[in-house]
């Protein structure tokens, strides 16, 4: 029988000269036994899978360089440690912080081929959803920060039934992600998604909103009404801005989550309910817990899984794609006029405190002014959106940059070291300007979050 073709492949690199302490061929055999091909020569392509083998003698600088190069290509990296001495926890933790997917020790008794195959299957399942219409056509954006958040949300939705807490500023798309989580939920008997905006709940009627009420339970209760707990039974309950709930309602919500039973207002009959809870907030709930404004026990109940959505300033490379999408919606056409370079520069340079929602409203104002088939121009921008806005030409290349490069060359510094030094300085400055927010720093640099996290982990060490 001819050999079966490999289902997938992984690039294999050993970062030592000792043949992985004699395990190299064994590693290859184990991987191939799981029907996974091993690429041993050449340079890995973008967005591929890489297995880096190292031991206790691997040079730190070489390891960091290889990881950075792989992450810049958006590759997924698994580290396999084959040293004779155990890998210290702090070392494994530091490597993981650089942005790799996994750190394994070859002597852990793990079946390497089966492990990698399971990882590949999980990644492939998430990738298929990422590339599907339900994501591409509704959750617009190609930036690393945005796609990383979507991948987290997809994995939580498909491979867990646990409560999810969505964190993010106002206008970042929390409701869209909540709807995606409900759509992808794999419960066979899944029912409807019920949305409750906690900012609109009237305190006097809050019990009815959640629990429902019986006819005559209070003034104007002219008929029986189902509350959110009834409507969301066997479905998903999405509590938007849960940080706005008063403490009394927090206690009642916690009781229903824990016990799965409730009573309508004006009734003595207990009813059962089961639902997946998805919550969202633009607040720092831990800070609210410390202030006593949010229950600690409820906080840990609702954040079994959590995902943070980046602000628009952290994913500015998505602005052209988002603007085109919103323009297509406003003009009701599949072929909207393009943005002129000047108009696109305006969109990219502007601040958006209201995030994607603010960009959508801006595009709507631009769309109603535009006429004809010509591109969107600066003249289409309403006068009110031009106020307090001025731009100057950037001349950063001439602000001592060329002199510094010239001095380095005069001192005999090579291009590789100049690039590394410039990259390190850019990393430090971006983190400093972002006030320690590594995701925002990554967006400023146009690189992956993991690359910045890896740099910062090494710097702190």
Foldseek 3Di string as FASTA:
>chain_A
DDDDAAPEEEEEEEQDDCCLVPCVVVLQVLQVVLSYHYDDDDDDAAQEEYEYEYEPPRDPVVLLVVLLVNQQSVYAYEYEYSYPDDDDPLNLVLSVLLPHDYYYYPPPPDSNNVVVVVVVVLVVVLVVVCPDCLNPVQVFADFQQQVVLLSQLLCCLQPHLAFEEEEEAAQLCQVSSVVVSQVNHDDPQADDEAEDELVPDDVVCNLCQAAWAADPLDPPSNHTDHHQQVRQASYEYEYEAPLNDFPVVLVVVVVCQVPQWDHHRPDPDIDGGDHHYYYYHHDPVVVCVVVVRHPPVSVCRNPPDYGYRDFCLLRLVRLLVLLVSLLCVLVVHPDAAAADPVRSVVSSPDDDSNGSVSSSVQSNQLNVQDDDRHHRYPVSRDPVVCPPDDDDDDDVCPPCVVVVVVVCVVVVHDPVVVVVVVVLVLLVVLCVVVVNPLSSSCSVVSGHSSNSSSSVSVVVD
